[in-house]
Amino acid sequence: MERLGHMINEAVSSGDWQPFRFTRNGIPVSHLFFADDLILYATTTQRQATVIQRVLSIFGMYSGHQVNKRKTKIYFSPNTVPSLQSEISMLLEYQRVEMFAKYLECLCFMPVLNVWILTSYWKKSKPN
């Protein structure tokens, strides 16, 4: 998982991945790791969804891990146009949710996030 963090940081450094800022002058946040879970933050565009998809795909090719799409959720800010929410959800093939209540016993900041993808329970790919 450490390698995935490096890959995300490389995408942020190159300008491909646009991380989220909780405040106007706040520190940009692109991801948080929790044991077997990962929360990704990005701006709400199809381009950003494609960048996320590409990074996760490349990581999967090299590590043998892939996202469990049945357990992965995506959250959008209430300001995101519903048609864009649908397009991004379909592109990534993740289930869209209206809000995450509590995660790891802490209240999450749902109303302020643009895109929040909770990638849960990574599964190891089986060789063909």
Protein backbone atom coordinates (compact mmCIF):
# COMPACT_ATOMS: atom_id res chain seq x y z
CA MET A 1 0.00 0.00 0.00
CA GLU A 2 2.96 2.28 0.54
CA ARG A 3 3.65 2.12 -3.20
CA LEU A 4 0.08 3.24 -3.93
CA GLY A 5 0.65 6.26 -1.69
CA HIS A 6 3.78 7.09 -3.70
CA MET A 7 1.86 6.72 -6.97
CA ILE A 8 -0.88 9.06 -5.75
CA ASN A 9 1.72 11.59 -4.58
CA GLU A 10 3.43 11.41 -7.99
CA ALA A 11 0.10 12.08 -9.72
CA VAL A 12 -0.49 15.07 -7.41
CA SER A 13 3.05 16.41 -7.98
CA SER A 14 2.67 16.17 -11.75
CA GLY A 15 -0.60 18.10 -11.59
CA ASP A 16 -2.70 15.19 -12.87
CA TRP A 17 -4.48 14.56 -9.55
CA GLN A 18 -6.17 17.60 -8.01
CA PRO A 19 -6.44 16.96 -4.26
CA PHE A 20 -9.13 18.43 -2.03
CA ARG A 21 -8.64 21.35 0.35
CA PHE A 22 -10.91 21.48 3.38
CA THR A 23 -10.37 25.25 3.58
CA ARG A 24 -9.33 27.81 0.97
CA ASN A 25 -5.73 27.94 2.25
CA GLY A 26 -5.68 24.48 3.77
CA ILE A 27 -3.32 21.63 3.09
CA PRO A 28 -4.37 19.60 0.04
CA VAL A 29 -5.51 16.05 0.85
CA SER A 30 -5.48 13.33 -1.80
CA HIS A 31 -5.76 10.16 0.28
CA LEU A 32 -5.89 8.61 3.74
CA PHE A 33 -4.98 5.01 4.55
CA PHE A 34 -6.69 2.99 7.30
CA ALA A 35 -5.58 -0.66 7.65
CA ASP A 36 -7.32 -2.29 4.65
CA ASP A 37 -9.27 0.82 3.68
CA LEU A 38 -8.40 3.87 1.65
CA ILE A 39 -10.19 7.19 1.27
CA LEU A 40 -9.42 9.15 -1.90
CA TYR A 41 -10.13 12.86 -2.30
CA ALA A 42 -10.24 14.76 -5.60
CA THR A 43 -12.11 17.46 -7.42
CA THR A 44 -15.30 16.44 -9.22
CA THR A 45 -14.46 16.06 -12.89
CA GLN A 46 -14.41 13.18 -15.33
CA ARG A 47 -10.72 13.83 -15.85
CA GLN A 48 -10.06 13.32 -12.14
CA ALA A 49 -12.09 10.11 -12.18
CA THR A 50 -9.95 8.90 -15.08
CA VAL A 51 -6.75 9.77 -13.19
CA ILE A 52 -7.98 7.86 -10.12
CA GLN A 53 -8.95 4.90 -12.28
CA ARG A 54 -5.54 4.93 -14.01
CA VAL A 55 -3.55 5.08 -10.76
CA LEU A 56 -5.56 2.25 -9.18
CA SER A 57 -5.29 0.16 -12.36
CA ILE A 58 -1.51 0.55 -12.60
CA PHE A 59 -1.15 -0.25 -8.91
CA GLY A 60 -3.26 -3.37 -9.44
CA MET A 61 -1.13 -4.53 -12.37
CA TYR A 62 2.07 -4.33 -10.34
CA SER A 63 0.83 -5.44 -6.93
CA GLY A 64 -1.83 -7.99 -7.77
CA HIS A 65 -4.33 -6.05 -5.63
CA GLN A 66 -7.50 -4.64 -7.07
CA VAL A 67 -10.39 -2.59 -5.76
CA ASN A 68 -13.39 -4.60 -4.63
CA LYS A 69 -16.00 -2.65 -6.60
CA ARG A 70 -18.91 -4.19 -4.70
CA LYS A 71 -17.62 -2.75 -1.43
CA THR A 72 -16.32 0.55 -2.76
CA LYS A 73 -18.44 3.66 -2.29
CA ILE A 74 -18.27 7.12 -3.82
CA TYR A 75 -19.61 10.27 -2.21
CA PHE A 76 -20.20 13.58 -3.98
CA SER A 77 -20.74 17.04 -2.60
CA PRO A 78 -24.42 18.08 -2.68
CA ASN A 79 -23.34 20.82 -5.10
CA THR A 80 -22.30 18.28 -7.73
CA VAL A 81 -24.70 18.08 -10.65
CA PRO A 82 -26.55 14.71 -10.61
CA SER A 83 -25.64 13.96 -14.24
CA LEU A 84 -21.93 14.36 -13.44
CA GLN A 85 -22.34 12.13 -10.38
CA SER A 86 -23.88 9.44 -12.60
CA GLU A 87 -21.18 9.75 -15.26
CA ILE A 88 -18.35 9.43 -12.74
CA SER A 89 -20.05 6.60 -10.84
CA MET A 90 -20.55 4.67 -14.07
CA LEU A 91 -16.99 5.33 -15.23
CA LEU A 92 -15.49 4.06 -11.99
CA GLU A 93 -18.18 1.42 -11.42
CA TYR A 94 -18.51 2.37 -7.74
CA GLN A 95 -21.73 2.60 -5.78
CA ARG A 96 -22.79 6.19 -5.13
CA VAL A 97 -23.91 6.99 -1.59
CA GLU A 98 -25.61 10.06 -0.16
CA MET A 99 -23.38 10.26 2.91
CA PHE A 100 -20.96 8.37 5.10
CA ALA A 101 -22.09 8.63 8.70
CA LYS A 102 -19.25 7.38 10.85
CA TYR A 103 -16.01 5.81 9.82
CA LEU A 104 -13.58 4.39 12.37
CA GLU A 105 -15.77 5.91 15.10
CA CYS A 106 -15.15 9.46 13.94
CA LEU A 107 -17.67 11.68 12.25
CA CYS A 108 -16.56 12.41 8.73
CA PHE A 109 -16.91 15.78 7.08
CA MET A 110 -19.40 14.76 4.39
CA PRO A 111 -20.90 18.10 3.38
CA VAL A 112 -17.58 19.69 2.42
CA LEU A 113 -16.02 16.98 0.28
CA ASN A 114 -16.11 17.08 -3.49
CA VAL A 115 -15.33 13.47 -4.26
CA TRP A 116 -14.75 10.90 -1.60
CA ILE A 117 -14.13 7.33 -2.62
CA LEU A 118 -13.93 4.77 0.12
CA THR A 119 -12.05 1.80 -1.21
CA SER A 120 -12.69 -1.01 1.20
CA TYR A 121 -11.34 -4.50 1.55
CA TRP A 122 -8.73 -4.73 -1.16
CA LYS A 123 -8.79 -8.15 -2.69
CA LYS A 124 -5.86 -10.04 -4.09
CA SER A 125 -6.17 -10.87 -7.77
CA LYS A 126 -6.06 -14.53 -8.59
CA PRO A 127 -3.59 -15.55 -11.31
CA ASN A 128 -5.18 -16.75 -14.54
